[in-house]
Amino acid sequence: MEDDHRFTQLKDIVKMYLPEDVPVGAIGMDSNFIKELNINSANLVDIVLDVEDAFGIRLENEDMDRMQTVRDALNIITQKLRDKK
């Protein structure tokens, strides 16, 4: 249940940065931010900053490098939240 909530939160962040030609419905667990959702690298940095604020976590450069898909991002968020406890 918590995973669904995190996915919804992440989806709400990502949809703000989607280009006009990419529908919100295109955001799935295995969607690649750059290749499938057409999010440019500058917007990906904005997504990372918004994720940090929304989830109260800190993402390092290596986390950003590993964040290729929505699933990757959720796994990183989940791990960071676990580490925080």
PDB file of N, CA and C in Angstrom:
ATOM      1  N   MET A   1       0.823  -1.198   0.000  1.00  0.00           N
ATOM      2  CA  MET A   1       0.000   0.000   0.000  1.00  0.00           C
ATOM      3  C   MET A   1       0.867   1.263   0.000  1.00  0.00           C
ATOM      4  N   GLU A   2       1.910   1.249   0.820  1.00  0.00           N
ATOM      5  CA  GLU A   2       2.819   2.385   0.881  1.00  0.00           C
ATOM      6  C   GLU A   2       3.500   2.597  -0.468  1.00  0.00           C
ATOM      7  N   ASP A   3       3.810   1.491  -1.171  1.00  0.00           N
ATOM      8  CA  ASP A   3       4.439   1.595  -2.488  1.00  0.00           C
ATOM      9  C   ASP A   3       3.523   2.309  -3.475  1.00  0.00           C
ATOM     10  N   ASP A   4       2.212   2.018  -3.420  1.00  0.00           N
ATOM     11  CA  ASP A   4       1.248   2.683  -4.300  1.00  0.00           C
ATOM     12  C   ASP A   4       1.224   4.181  -4.036  1.00  0.00           C
ATOM     13  N   HIS A   5       1.282   4.533  -2.749  1.00  0.00           N
ATOM     14  CA  HIS A   5       1.270   5.950  -2.374  1.00  0.00           C
ATOM     15  C   HIS A   5       2.532   6.645  -2.896  1.00  0.00           C
ATOM     16  N   ARG A   6       3.666   5.989  -2.753  1.00  0.00           N
ATOM     17  CA  ARG A   6       4.925   6.555  -3.258  1.00  0.00           C
ATOM     18  C   ARG A   6       4.893   6.704  -4.778  1.00  0.00           C
ATOM     19  N   PHE A   7       4.355   5.694  -5.455  1.00  0.00           N
ATOM     20  CA  PHE A   7       4.250   5.757  -6.920  1.00  0.00           C
ATOM     21  C   PHE A   7       3.385   6.950  -7.321  1.00  0.00           C
ATOM     22  N   THR A   8       2.260   7.140  -6.631  1.00  0.00           N
ATOM     23  CA  THR A   8       1.371   8.267  -6.935  1.00  0.00           C
ATOM     24  C   THR A   8       2.080   9.594  -6.698  1.00  0.00           C
ATOM     25  N   GLN A   9       2.806   9.693  -5.593  1.00  0.00           N
ATOM     26  CA  GLN A   9       3.568  10.914  -5.306  1.00  0.00           C
ATOM     27  C   GLN A   9       4.604  11.175  -6.390  1.00  0.00           C
ATOM     28  N   LEU A  10       5.330  10.133  -6.775  1.00  0.00           N
ATOM     29  CA  LEU A  10       6.364  10.278  -7.799  1.00  0.00           C
ATOM     30  C   LEU A  10       5.741  10.656  -9.139  1.00  0.00           C
ATOM     31  N   LYS A  11       4.636  10.015  -9.466  1.00  0.00           N
ATOM     32  CA  LYS A  11       3.935  10.297 -10.728  1.00  0.00           C
ATOM     33  C   LYS A  11       3.493  11.765 -10.767  1.00  0.00           C
ATOM     34  N   ASP A  12       2.995  12.272  -9.634  1.00  0.00           N
ATOM     35  CA  ASP A  12       2.572  13.671  -9.565  1.00  0.00           C
ATOM     36  C   ASP A  12       3.739  14.619  -9.802  1.00  0.00           C
ATOM     37  N   ILE A  13       4.914  14.243  -9.343  1.00  0.00           N
ATOM     38  CA  ILE A  13       6.113  15.065  -9.572  1.00  0.00           C
ATOM     39  C   ILE A  13       6.523  14.987 -11.036  1.00  0.00           C
ATOM     40  N   VAL A  14       6.612  13.767 -11.563  1.00  0.00           N
ATOM     41  CA  VAL A  14       7.105  13.563 -12.933  1.00  0.00           C
ATOM     42  C   VAL A  14       6.192  14.227 -13.962  1.00  0.00           C
ATOM     43  N   LYS A  15       4.882  14.167 -13.743  1.00  0.00           N
ATOM     44  CA  LYS A  15       3.949  14.692 -14.759  1.00  0.00           C
ATOM     45  C   LYS A  15       4.128  16.195 -15.001  1.00  0.00           C
ATOM     46  N   MET A  16       4.651  16.910 -14.015  1.00  0.00           N
ATOM     47  CA  MET A  16       4.883  18.353 -14.199  1.00  0.00           C
ATOM     48  C   MET A  16       5.983  18.621 -15.221  1.00  0.00           C
ATOM     49  N   TYR A  17       6.836  17.637 -15.458  1.00  0.00           N
ATOM     50  CA  TYR A  17       7.987  17.828 -16.351  1.00  0.00           C
ATOM     51  C   TYR A  17       7.836  17.103 -17.686  1.00  0.00           C
ATOM     52  N   LEU A  18       6.692  16.478 -17.913  1.00  0.00           N
ATOM     53  CA  LEU A  18       6.483  15.780 -19.184  1.00  0.00           C
ATOM     54  C   LEU A  18       6.325  16.781 -20.323  1.00  0.00           C
ATOM     55  N   PRO A  19       6.921  16.493 -21.475  1.00  0.00           N
ATOM     56  CA  PRO A  19       6.666  17.335 -22.641  1.00  0.00           C
ATOM     57  C   PRO A  19       5.194  17.201 -23.048  1.00  0.00           C
ATOM     58  N   GLU A  20       4.700  18.160 -23.785  1.00  0.00           N
ATOM     59  CA  GLU A  20       3.287  18.177 -24.170  1.00  0.00           C
ATOM     60  C   GLU A  20       2.863  16.942 -24.957  1.00  0.00           C
ATOM     61  N   ASP A  21       3.792  16.336 -25.692  1.00  0.00           N
ATOM     62  CA  ASP A  21       3.437  15.194 -26.545  1.00  0.00           C
ATOM     63  C   ASP A  21       3.452  13.856 -25.802  1.00  0.00           C
ATOM     64  N   VAL A  22       3.712  13.867 -24.497  1.00  0.00           N
ATOM     65  CA  VAL A  22       3.738  12.632 -23.708  1.00  0.00           C
ATOM     66  C   VAL A  22       2.609  12.683 -22.682  1.00  0.00           C
ATOM     67  N   PRO A  23       1.636  11.751 -22.795  1.00  0.00           N
ATOM     68  CA  PRO A  23       0.511  11.762 -21.853  1.00  0.00           C
ATOM     69  C   PRO A  23       0.915  11.243 -20.469  1.00  0.00           C
ATOM     70  N   VAL A  24       0.210  11.706 -19.448  1.00  0.00           N
ATOM     71  CA  VAL A  24       0.469  11.270 -18.078  1.00  0.00           C
ATOM     72  C   VAL A  24       0.329   9.751 -17.973  1.00  0.00           C
ATOM     73  N   GLY A  25      -0.564   9.176 -18.752  1.00  0.00           N
ATOM     74  CA  GLY A  25      -0.782   7.733 -18.745  1.00  0.00           C
ATOM     75  C   GLY A  25       0.442   6.935 -19.172  1.00  0.00           C
ATOM     76  N   ALA A  26       1.413   7.618 -19.768  1.00  0.00           N
ATOM     77  CA  ALA A  26       2.634   6.943 -20.209  1.00  0.00           C
ATOM     78  C   ALA A  26       3.561   6.636 -19.039  1.00  0.00           C
ATOM     79  N   ILE A  27       3.299   7.234 -17.875  1.00  0.00           N
ATOM     80  CA  ILE A  27       4.161   7.019 -16.716  1.00  0.00           C
ATOM     81  C   ILE A  27       3.803   5.683 -16.074  1.00  0.00           C
ATOM     82  N   GLY A  28       4.677   4.701 -16.276  1.00  0.00           N
ATOM     83  CA  GLY A  28       4.502   3.377 -15.687  1.00  0.00           C
ATOM     84  C   GLY A  28       5.748   3.006 -14.901  1.00  0.00           C
ATOM     85  N   MET A  29       5.679   1.892 -14.216  1.00  0.00           N
ATOM     86  CA  MET A  29       6.807   1.464 -13.384  1.00  0.00           C
ATOM     87  C   MET A  29       8.096   1.311 -14.184  1.00  0.00           C
ATOM     88  N   ASP A  30       7.991   0.829 -15.409  1.00  0.00           N
ATOM     89  CA  ASP A  30       9.192   0.560 -16.193  1.00  0.00           C
ATOM     90  C   ASP A  30       9.501   1.649 -17.220  1.00  0.00           C
ATOM     91  N   SER A  31       8.826   2.790 -17.104  1.00  0.00           N
ATOM     92  CA  SER A  31       9.073   3.894 -18.032  1.00  0.00           C
ATOM     93  C   SER A  31      10.460   4.489 -17.786  1.00  0.00           C
ATOM     94  N   ASN A  32      11.222   4.619 -18.859  1.00  0.00           N
ATOM     95  CA  ASN A  32      12.531   5.248 -18.783  1.00  0.00           C
ATOM     96  C   ASN A  32      12.325   6.758 -18.884  1.00  0.00           C
ATOM     97  N   PHE A  33      12.891   7.501 -17.929  1.00  0.00           N
ATOM     98  CA  PHE A  33      12.673   8.942 -17.880  1.00  0.00           C
ATOM     99  C   PHE A  33      13.077   9.643 -19.174  1.00  0.00           C
ATOM    100  N   ILE A  34      14.238   9.300 -19.701  1.00  0.00           N
ATOM    101  CA  ILE A  34      14.758  10.008 -20.870  1.00  0.00           C
ATOM    102  C   ILE A  34      14.249   9.411 -22.182  1.00  0.00           C
ATOM    103  N   LYS A  35      14.350   8.089 -22.324  1.00  0.00           N
ATOM    104  CA  LYS A  35      14.008   7.450 -23.595  1.00  0.00           C
ATOM    105  C   LYS A  35      12.508   7.389 -23.862  1.00  0.00           C
ATOM    106  N   GLU A  36      11.709   7.088 -22.852  1.00  0.00           N
ATOM    107  CA  GLU A  36      10.273   6.915 -23.080  1.00  0.00           C
ATOM    108  C   GLU A  36       9.428   8.134 -22.700  1.00  0.00           C
ATOM    109  N   LEU A  37       9.832   8.814 -21.639  1.00  0.00           N
ATOM    110  CA  LEU A  37       9.045   9.964 -21.194  1.00  0.00           C
ATOM    111  C   LEU A  37       9.583  11.286 -21.746  1.00  0.00           C
ATOM    112  N   ASN A  38      10.696  11.202 -22.475  1.00  0.00           N
ATOM    113  CA  ASN A  38      11.301  12.375 -23.135  1.00  0.00           C
ATOM    114  C   ASN A  38      11.604  13.518 -22.168  1.00  0.00           C
ATOM    115  N   ILE A  39      12.027  13.176 -20.963  1.00  0.00           N
ATOM    116  CA  ILE A  39      12.403  14.185 -19.979  1.00  0.00           C
ATOM    117  C   ILE A  39      13.884  14.497 -20.176  1.00  0.00           C
ATOM    118  N   ASN A  40      14.190  15.777 -20.349  1.00  0.00           N
ATOM    119  CA  ASN A  40      15.592  16.133 -20.584  1.00  0.00           C
ATOM    120  C   ASN A  40      16.365  16.138 -19.268  1.00  0.00           C
ATOM    121  N   SER A  41      17.676  16.188 -19.375  1.00  0.00           N
ATOM    122  CA  SER A  41      18.514  16.053 -18.184  1.00  0.00           C
ATOM    123  C   SER A  41      18.307  17.196 -17.187  1.00  0.00           C
ATOM    124  N   ALA A  42      18.021  18.394 -17.673  1.00  0.00           N
ATOM    125  CA  ALA A  42      17.770  19.520 -16.760  1.00  0.00           C
ATOM    126  C   ALA A  42      16.501  19.269 -15.945  1.00  0.00           C
ATOM    127  N   ASN A  43      15.465  18.770 -16.605  1.00  0.00           N
ATOM    128  CA  ASN A  43      14.224  18.473 -15.891  1.00  0.00           C
ATOM    129  C   ASN A  43      14.393  17.285 -14.956  1.00  0.00           C
ATOM    130  N   LEU A  44      15.269  16.365 -15.305  1.00  0.00           N
ATOM    131  CA  LEU A  44      15.530  15.226 -14.428  1.00  0.00           C
ATOM    132  C   LEU A  44      16.152  15.708 -13.112  1.00  0.00           C
ATOM    133  N   VAL A  45      16.999  16.700 -13.196  1.00  0.00           N
ATOM    134  CA  VAL A  45      17.575  17.290 -11.978  1.00  0.00           C
ATOM    135  C   VAL A  45      16.462  17.928 -11.139  1.00  0.00           C
ATOM    136  N   ASP A  46      15.525  18.614 -11.806  1.00  0.00           N
ATOM    137  CA  ASP A  46      14.386  19.212 -11.092  1.00  0.00           C
ATOM    138  C   ASP A  46      13.541  18.140 -10.417  1.00  0.00           C
ATOM    139  N   ILE A  47      13.349  17.016 -11.097  1.00  0.00           N
ATOM    140  CA  ILE A  47      12.591  15.902 -10.513  1.00  0.00           C
ATOM    141  C   ILE A  47      13.293  15.398  -9.259  1.00  0.00           C
ATOM    142  N   VAL A  48      14.612  15.251  -9.348  1.00  0.00           N
ATOM    143  CA  VAL A  48      15.389  14.788  -8.195  1.00  0.00           C
ATOM    144  C   VAL A  48      15.215  15.744  -7.015  1.00  0.00           C
ATOM    145  N   LEU A  49      15.294  17.036  -7.271  1.00  0.00           N
ATOM    146  CA  LEU A  49      15.134  18.027  -6.206  1.00  0.00           C
ATOM    147  C   LEU A  49      13.736  17.958  -5.595  1.00  0.00           C
ATOM    148  N   ASP A  50      12.726  17.800  -6.445  1.00  0.00           N
ATOM    149  CA  ASP A  50      11.347  17.690  -5.955  1.00  0.00           C
ATOM    150  C   ASP A  50      11.146  16.409  -5.147  1.00  0.00           C
ATOM    151  N   VAL A  51      11.777  15.320  -5.587  1.00  0.00           N
ATOM    152  CA  VAL A  51      11.698  14.047  -4.857  1.00  0.00           C
ATOM    153  C   VAL A  51      12.330  14.207  -3.478  1.00  0.00           C
ATOM    154  N   GLU A  52      13.469  14.871  -3.421  1.00  0.00           N
ATOM    155  CA  GLU A  52      14.129  15.095  -2.129  1.00  0.00           C
ATOM    156  C   GLU A  52      13.196  15.853  -1.176  1.00  0.00           C
ATOM    157  N   ASP A  53      12.557  16.898  -1.690  1.00  0.00           N
ATOM    158  CA  ASP A  53      11.638  17.689  -0.865  1.00  0.00           C
ATOM    159  C   ASP A  53      10.410  16.889  -0.452  1.00  0.00           C
ATOM    160  N   ALA A  54       9.814  16.188  -1.406  1.00  0.00           N
ATOM    161  CA  ALA A  54       8.568  15.465  -1.145  1.00  0.00           C
ATOM    162  C   ALA A  54       8.747  14.316  -0.153  1.00  0.00           C
ATOM    163  N   PHE A  55       9.882  13.640  -0.235  1.00  0.00           N
ATOM    164  CA  PHE A  55      10.099  12.457   0.595  1.00  0.00           C
ATOM    165  C   PHE A  55      11.033  12.707   1.778  1.00  0.00           C
ATOM    166  N   GLY A  56      11.602  13.911   1.855  1.00  0.00           N
ATOM    167  CA  GLY A  56      12.488  14.237   2.966  1.00  0.00           C
ATOM    168  C   GLY A  56      13.769  13.416   2.967  1.00  0.00           C
ATOM    169  N   ILE A  57      14.311  13.187   1.761  1.00  0.00           N
ATOM    170  CA  ILE A  57      15.528  12.389   1.620  1.00  0.00           C
ATOM    171  C   ILE A  57      16.572  13.195   0.858  1.00  0.00           C
ATOM    172  N   ARG A  58      17.783  12.669   0.839  1.00  0.00           N
ATOM    173  CA  ARG A  58      18.888  13.294   0.090  1.00  0.00           C
ATOM    174  C   ARG A  58      19.390  12.280  -0.932  1.00  0.00           C
ATOM    175  N   LEU A  59      19.399  12.664  -2.192  1.00  0.00           N
ATOM    176  CA  LEU A  59      19.884  11.788  -3.258  1.00  0.00           C
ATOM    177  C   LEU A  59      21.295  12.220  -3.661  1.00  0.00           C
ATOM    178  N   GLU A  60      22.184  11.255  -3.747  1.00  0.00           N
ATOM    179  CA  GLU A  60      23.566  11.506  -4.147  1.00  0.00           C
ATOM    180  C   GLU A  60      23.694  11.364  -5.666  1.00  0.00           C
ATOM    181  N   ASN A  61      24.849  11.768  -6.197  1.00  0.00           N
ATOM    182  CA  ASN A  61      25.075  11.668  -7.647  1.00  0.00           C
ATOM    183  C   ASN A  61      24.918  10.237  -8.149  1.00  0.00           C
ATOM    184  N   GLU A  62      25.434   9.265  -7.379  1.00  0.00           N
ATOM    185  CA  GLU A  62      25.313   7.869  -7.829  1.00  0.00           C
ATOM    186  C   GLU A  62      23.854   7.407  -7.845  1.00  0.00           C
ATOM    187  N   ASP A  63      23.025   7.969  -6.958  1.00  0.00           N
ATOM    188  CA  ASP A  63      21.593   7.647  -6.982  1.00  0.00           C
ATOM    189  C   ASP A  63      20.969   8.164  -8.278  1.00  0.00           C
ATOM    190  N   MET A  64      21.340   9.371  -8.651  1.00  0.00           N
ATOM    191  CA  MET A  64      20.808   9.959  -9.883  1.00  0.00           C
ATOM    192  C   MET A  64      21.252   9.145 -11.102  1.00  0.00           C
ATOM    193  N   ASP A  65      22.481   8.660 -11.087  1.00  0.00           N
ATOM    194  CA  ASP A  65      22.983   7.845 -12.200  1.00  0.00           C
ATOM    195  C   ASP A  65      22.197   6.548 -12.325  1.00  0.00           C
ATOM    196  N   ARG A  66      21.776   5.984 -11.192  1.00  0.00           N
ATOM    197  CA  ARG A  66      21.025   4.716 -11.193  1.00  0.00           C
ATOM    198  C   ARG A  66      19.539   4.919 -11.494  1.00  0.00           C
ATOM    199  N   MET A  67      19.085   6.148 -11.476  1.00  0.00           N
ATOM    200  CA  MET A  67      17.657   6.442 -11.634  1.00  0.00           C
ATOM    201  C   MET A  67      17.279   6.558 -13.110  1.00  0.00           C
ATOM    202  N   GLN A  68      17.172   5.431 -13.770  1.00  0.00           N
ATOM    203  CA  GLN A  68      16.838   5.408 -15.195  1.00  0.00           C
ATOM    204  C   GLN A  68      15.331   5.292 -15.438  1.00  0.00           C
ATOM    205  N   THR A  69      14.667   4.509 -14.593  1.00  0.00           N
ATOM    206  CA  THR A  69      13.227   4.273 -14.764  1.00  0.00           C
ATOM    207  C   THR A  69      12.475   4.689 -13.503  1.00  0.00           C
ATOM    208  N   VAL A  70      11.167   4.727 -13.612  1.00  0.00           N
ATOM    209  CA  VAL A  70      10.315   5.041 -12.469  1.00  0.00           C
ATOM    210  C   VAL A  70      10.543   4.012 -11.362  1.00  0.00           C
ATOM    211  N   ARG A  71      10.650   2.740 -11.740  1.00  0.00           N
ATOM    212  CA  ARG A  71      10.907   1.674 -10.754  1.00  0.00           C
ATOM    213  C   ARG A  71      12.237   1.909 -10.029  1.00  0.00           C
ATOM    214  N   ASP A  72      13.275   2.298 -10.789  1.00  0.00           N
ATOM    215  CA  ASP A  72      14.570   2.609 -10.164  1.00  0.00           C
ATOM    216  C   ASP A  72      14.402   3.707  -9.125  1.00  0.00           C
ATOM    217  N   ALA A  73      13.684   4.751  -9.494  1.00  0.00           N
ATOM    218  CA  ALA A  73      13.475   5.877  -8.582  1.00  0.00           C
ATOM    219  C   ALA A  73      12.746   5.429  -7.320  1.00  0.00           C
ATOM    220  N   LEU A  74      11.707   4.618  -7.484  1.00  0.00           N
ATOM    221  CA  LEU A  74      10.957   4.134  -6.320  1.00  0.00           C
ATOM    222  C   LEU A  74      11.817   3.256  -5.426  1.00  0.00           C
ATOM    223  N   ASN A  75      12.648   2.412  -6.028  1.00  0.00           N
ATOM    224  CA  ASN A  75      13.548   1.563  -5.233  1.00  0.00           C
ATOM    225  C   ASN A  75      14.538   2.416  -4.433  1.00  0.00           C
ATOM    226  N   ILE A  76      15.070   3.452  -5.057  1.00  0.00           N
ATOM    227  CA  ILE A  76      16.013   4.342  -4.379  1.00  0.00           C
ATOM    228  C   ILE A  76      15.307   5.095  -3.252  1.00  0.00           C
ATOM    229  N   ILE A  77      14.112   5.607  -3.524  1.00  0.00           N
ATOM    230  CA  ILE A  77      13.333   6.317  -2.503  1.00  0.00           C
ATOM    231  C   ILE A  77      13.064   5.405  -1.325  1.00  0.00           C
ATOM    232  N   THR A  78      12.618   4.184  -1.600  1.00  0.00           N
ATOM    233  CA  THR A  78      12.314   3.221  -0.535  1.00  0.00           C
ATOM    234  C   THR A  78      13.550   2.934   0.304  1.00  0.00           C
ATOM    235  N   GLN A  79      14.684   2.725  -0.341  1.00  0.00           N
ATOM    236  CA  GLN A  79      15.929   2.435   0.375  1.00  0.00           C
ATOM    237  C   GLN A  79      16.347   3.629   1.234  1.00  0.00           C
ATOM    238  N   LYS A  80      16.263   4.820   0.678  1.00  0.00           N
ATOM    239  CA  LYS A  80      16.644   6.018   1.434  1.00  0.00           C
ATOM    240  C   LYS A  80      15.746   6.202   2.661  1.00  0.00           C
ATOM    241  N   LEU A  81      14.462   5.930   2.502  1.00  0.00           N
ATOM    242  CA  LEU A  81      13.537   6.052   3.634  1.00  0.00           C
ATOM    243  C   LEU A  81      13.829   5.004   4.704  1.00  0.00           C
ATOM    244  N   ARG A  82      14.192   3.794   4.278  1.00  0.00           N
ATOM    245  CA  ARG A  82      14.578   2.741   5.240  1.00  0.00           C
ATOM    246  C   ARG A  82      15.839   3.141   6.003  1.00  0.00           C
ATOM    247  N   ASP A  83      16.813   3.655   5.276  1.00  0.00           N
ATOM    248  CA  ASP A  83      18.081   4.064   5.884  1.00  0.00           C
ATOM    249  C   ASP A  83      17.890   5.194   6.889  1.00  0.00           C
ATOM    250  N   LYS A  84      16.871   5.991   6.657  1.00  0.00           N
ATOM    251  CA  LYS A  84      16.603   7.156   7.486  1.00  0.00           C
ATOM    252  C   LYS A  84      16.046   6.771   8.867  1.00  0.00           C
ATOM    253  N   LYS A  85      15.398   5.605   8.932  1.00  0.00           N
ATOM    254  CA  LYS A  85      14.745   5.181  10.185  1.00  0.00           C
ATOM    255  C   LYS A  85      15.738   4.807  11.255  1.00  0.00           C
TER     256      LYS A  85
END
